[in-house]
Amino acid sequence: MYGKRIRSNQGAGGYYLCKSCNNLTGSYYGESYKKFAYMGMMAVTNRIWASKVIAFEYAIQPLNILKQVLSMFMSIDTSDQLLNLERLSKFLLDKDSQALPENIRVFVYHTATKQVRNGWGMARTEKGFHTLGEITYPPFGLVYALDSEPTRNDFFEISGFKNYVFNQTVQARLTIPFLTPKTYIPGLYT
């Protein structure tokens, strides 16, 4: 993996993974995330609209999903904060690795917003300072917190997905909050 600054009129606006790394992570983990997103869209579509959380039965490959989410963040990381994070590249490129660096935590929430968020930054809340990244595209909002707590306590944390093995499928009832981003700035919701 390496940082390569090429402007693009397609995708998220640039190429930050080398072609072979992008193809490798996509072939290992992409289909698992696609199925997770499909089930997530079913959950959002069939939810009770007054509910602030959605409990739904998922058949998922947890480690694959976690690694695809982090690969997506690496693909838009213009800051190189993830690229330079010790051991993260090895975790992503070795499909059998379960060694997620301890200073990064990953979260998910449900959303139906059409407002796309792809970014990283720092936020200050009543909980303190936060270094985070966020990708929002229905049915999920994906958040990472680096060397800090998340901005909210009600995110559903998927960092523990590292404890599964590659391609292991599990049936799980996940209770994931439903949030609507307030602005394009990561970390703010209505």
Protein backbone atom coordinates (compact mmCIF):
# COMPACT_ATOMS: atom_id res chain seq x y z
CA MET A 1 0.00 0.00 0.00
CA TYR A 2 1.20 3.47 -0.71
CA GLY A 3 -0.13 6.97 -0.97
CA LYS A 4 -0.47 8.15 -4.55
CA ARG A 5 -1.91 11.55 -5.28
CA ILE A 6 -3.77 11.36 -8.58
CA ARG A 7 -6.92 13.39 -9.06
CA SER A 8 -9.80 11.44 -10.47
CA ASN A 9 -13.24 12.35 -11.71
CA GLN A 10 -14.52 8.98 -10.59
CA GLY A 11 -15.06 7.38 -7.20
CA ALA A 12 -14.02 9.22 -4.07
CA GLY A 13 -11.69 11.53 -5.97
CA GLY A 14 -8.31 9.88 -5.85
CA TYR A 15 -6.26 6.73 -5.69
CA TYR A 16 -4.67 6.06 -2.32
CA LEU A 17 -4.18 2.31 -2.55
CA CYS A 18 -1.95 0.78 -5.17
CA LYS A 19 -3.86 -1.15 -7.82
CA SER A 20 -2.74 -4.59 -6.59
CA CYS A 21 -3.68 -3.82 -2.96
CA ASN A 22 -7.07 -2.46 -4.01
CA ASN A 23 -7.74 -5.54 -6.14
CA LEU A 24 -6.50 -7.88 -3.41
CA THR A 25 -8.64 -6.42 -0.61
CA GLY A 26 -11.65 -6.19 -2.92
CA SER A 27 -11.34 -9.83 -3.94
CA TYR A 28 -10.89 -10.98 -0.32
CA TYR A 29 -13.50 -8.85 1.42
CA GLY A 30 -15.73 -7.00 -1.07
CA GLU A 31 -18.41 -9.65 -1.50
CA SER A 32 -18.82 -10.05 2.28
CA TYR A 33 -19.40 -6.31 2.69
CA LYS A 34 -21.78 -6.27 -0.28
CA LYS A 35 -23.95 -8.95 1.38
CA PHE A 36 -23.79 -7.10 4.71
CA ALA A 37 -24.91 -3.87 3.00
CA TYR A 38 -27.73 -5.70 1.22
CA MET A 39 -29.01 -7.08 4.55
CA GLY A 40 -28.54 -3.64 6.11
CA MET A 41 -30.70 -2.08 3.39
CA MET A 42 -33.39 -4.67 4.12
CA ALA A 43 -33.19 -3.72 7.80
CA VAL A 44 -33.48 0.02 7.03
CA THR A 45 -36.32 -0.49 4.55
CA ASN A 46 -38.35 -2.64 6.96
CA ARG A 47 -37.64 -0.73 10.16
CA ILE A 48 -40.22 0.85 12.44
CA TRP A 49 -39.72 4.52 11.63
CA ALA A 50 -40.08 5.80 15.19
CA SER A 51 -37.28 3.52 16.38
CA LYS A 52 -33.82 4.91 17.10
CA VAL A 53 -32.25 1.44 16.78
CA ILE A 54 -32.70 -1.41 14.35
CA ALA A 55 -32.36 -4.99 15.56
CA PHE A 56 -31.95 -7.35 12.63
CA GLU A 57 -30.73 -10.90 12.04
CA TYR A 58 -27.59 -10.99 9.89
CA ALA A 59 -25.61 -13.85 8.34
CA ILE A 60 -22.18 -12.23 8.09
CA GLN A 61 -18.46 -12.83 7.74
CA PRO A 62 -17.30 -10.45 10.48
CA LEU A 63 -13.53 -10.35 9.87
CA ASN A 64 -14.05 -9.84 6.14
CA ILE A 65 -16.46 -6.96 6.79
CA LEU A 66 -14.11 -5.23 9.23
CA LYS A 67 -11.24 -5.46 6.77
CA GLN A 68 -13.36 -4.18 3.86
CA VAL A 69 -14.49 -1.20 5.95
CA LEU A 70 -10.89 -0.34 6.85
CA SER A 71 -9.83 -0.82 3.21
CA MET A 72 -12.52 1.68 2.21
CA PHE A 73 -11.12 4.16 4.74
CA MET A 74 -7.61 3.59 3.40
CA SER A 75 -8.90 4.33 -0.10
CA ILE A 76 -10.03 7.84 0.87
CA ASP A 77 -7.28 8.65 3.41
CA THR A 78 -5.71 11.82 2.02
CA SER A 79 -4.02 12.48 5.38
CA ASP A 80 -1.98 9.24 5.37
CA GLN A 81 -2.89 8.82 9.07
CA LEU A 82 -4.13 5.29 8.36
CA LEU A 83 -1.48 4.51 5.78
CA ASN A 84 1.19 5.33 8.36
CA LEU A 85 -0.53 3.43 11.17
CA GLU A 86 1.84 0.68 12.19
CA ARG A 87 0.54 -2.84 11.42
CA LEU A 88 -2.71 -1.74 9.74
CA SER A 89 -1.53 -2.56 6.21
CA LYS A 90 -0.36 -5.99 7.33
CA PHE A 91 -3.71 -6.61 9.02
CA LEU A 92 -5.55 -5.75 5.80
CA LEU A 93 -3.29 -7.52 3.30
CA ASP A 94 -2.96 -10.76 5.29
CA LYS A 95 -6.45 -12.27 5.06
CA ASP A 96 -5.76 -14.50 8.07
CA SER A 97 -4.44 -11.75 10.37
CA GLN A 98 -6.52 -10.89 13.40
CA ALA A 99 -4.03 -8.30 14.68
CA LEU A 100 -6.01 -5.07 14.38
CA PRO A 101 -3.90 -2.25 15.87
CA GLU A 102 -5.20 -1.47 19.35
CA ASN A 103 -5.36 2.30 18.81
CA ILE A 104 -8.07 2.11 16.13
CA ARG A 105 -11.71 1.29 16.79
CA VAL A 106 -14.40 0.85 14.13
CA PHE A 107 -18.14 1.50 14.41
CA VAL A 108 -21.28 1.31 12.29
CA TYR A 109 -24.70 2.93 12.33
CA HIS A 110 -27.72 2.69 10.04
CA THR A 111 -28.70 5.65 7.90
CA ALA A 112 -31.01 6.41 5.01
CA THR A 113 -29.51 9.80 4.20
CA LYS A 114 -28.58 10.68 0.65
CA GLN A 115 -25.94 13.08 2.01
CA VAL A 116 -22.65 11.28 1.47
CA ARG A 117 -19.83 11.79 3.96
CA ASN A 118 -16.34 10.65 3.09
CA GLY A 119 -13.75 12.20 5.31
CA TRP A 120 -11.66 12.38 8.40
CA GLY A 121 -10.90 15.04 10.92
CA MET A 122 -10.90 16.07 14.51
CA ALA A 123 -13.91 16.88 16.61
CA ARG A 124 -14.38 18.28 20.07
CA THR A 125 -17.38 17.18 22.10
CA GLU A 126 -18.26 17.11 25.78
CA LYS A 127 -16.32 13.81 25.82
CA GLY A 128 -13.11 15.52 24.67
CA PHE A 129 -11.11 15.57 21.44
CA HIS A 130 -11.63 12.90 18.79
CA THR A 131 -9.66 11.85 15.72
CA LEU A 132 -12.09 10.12 13.42
CA GLY A 133 -13.01 9.19 9.91
CA GLU A 134 -16.45 8.62 8.49
CA ILE A 135 -18.01 7.16 5.37
CA THR A 136 -21.75 7.52 5.02
CA TYR A 137 -23.63 5.82 2.24
CA PRO A 138 -26.93 4.02 2.80
CA PRO A 139 -27.56 1.73 4.54
CA PHE A 140 -24.59 2.41 6.80
CA GLY A 141 -22.48 5.08 8.32
CA LEU A 142 -18.99 3.78 9.09
CA VAL A 143 -16.78 5.49 11.66
CA TYR A 144 -13.29 4.93 12.97
CA ALA A 145 -11.78 6.51 16.07
CA LEU A 146 -7.99 6.76 16.18
CA ASP A 147 -6.26 7.15 19.56
CA SER A 148 -9.54 8.50 20.96
CA GLU A 149 -13.05 7.63 22.02
CA PRO A 150 -15.87 7.79 19.45
CA THR A 151 -17.99 10.95 19.40
CA ARG A 152 -21.05 8.96 20.53
CA ASN A 153 -21.66 6.09 22.93
CA ASP A 154 -24.45 4.51 20.89
CA PHE A 155 -22.48 3.50 17.79
CA PHE A 156 -22.34 -0.25 17.20
CA GLU A 157 -18.68 -1.27 17.52
CA ILE A 158 -17.35 -3.81 15.03
CA SER A 159 -13.70 -3.82 16.19
CA GLY A 160 -14.43 -7.18 17.85
CA PHE A 161 -15.04 -8.66 14.39
CA LYS A 162 -11.25 -9.18 14.39
CA ASN A 163 -11.80 -12.20 16.64
CA TYR A 164 -13.33 -14.25 13.83
CA VAL A 165 -11.41 -16.06 11.11
CA PHE A 166 -11.35 -15.25 7.41
CA ASN A 167 -14.54 -16.38 5.62
CA GLN A 168 -16.15 -17.57 8.89
CA THR A 169 -19.91 -17.04 8.59
CA VAL A 170 -21.95 -16.37 11.72
CA GLN A 171 -25.62 -15.69 12.37
CA ALA A 172 -25.97 -12.67 14.64
CA ARG A 173 -28.72 -10.35 15.78
CA LEU A 174 -27.16 -6.89 15.61
CA THR A 175 -28.76 -3.90 17.29
CA ILE A 176 -27.46 -0.93 15.34
CA PRO A 177 -28.54 2.70 15.92
CA PHE A 178 -30.28 4.70 13.21
CA LEU A 179 -28.71 8.15 12.78
CA THR A 180 -28.96 10.99 10.29
CA PRO A 181 -25.82 13.06 9.66
CA LYS A 182 -26.41 16.75 10.47
CA THR A 183 -23.81 18.22 8.09
CA TYR A 184 -20.99 17.02 5.88
CA ILE A 185 -18.65 17.31 8.91
CA PRO A 186 -17.94 13.87 10.47
CA GLY A 187 -19.30 13.27 13.95
CA LEU A 188 -22.46 15.43 13.94
CA TYR A 189 -25.97 13.88 13.79
CA THR A 190 -29.61 14.83 14.29
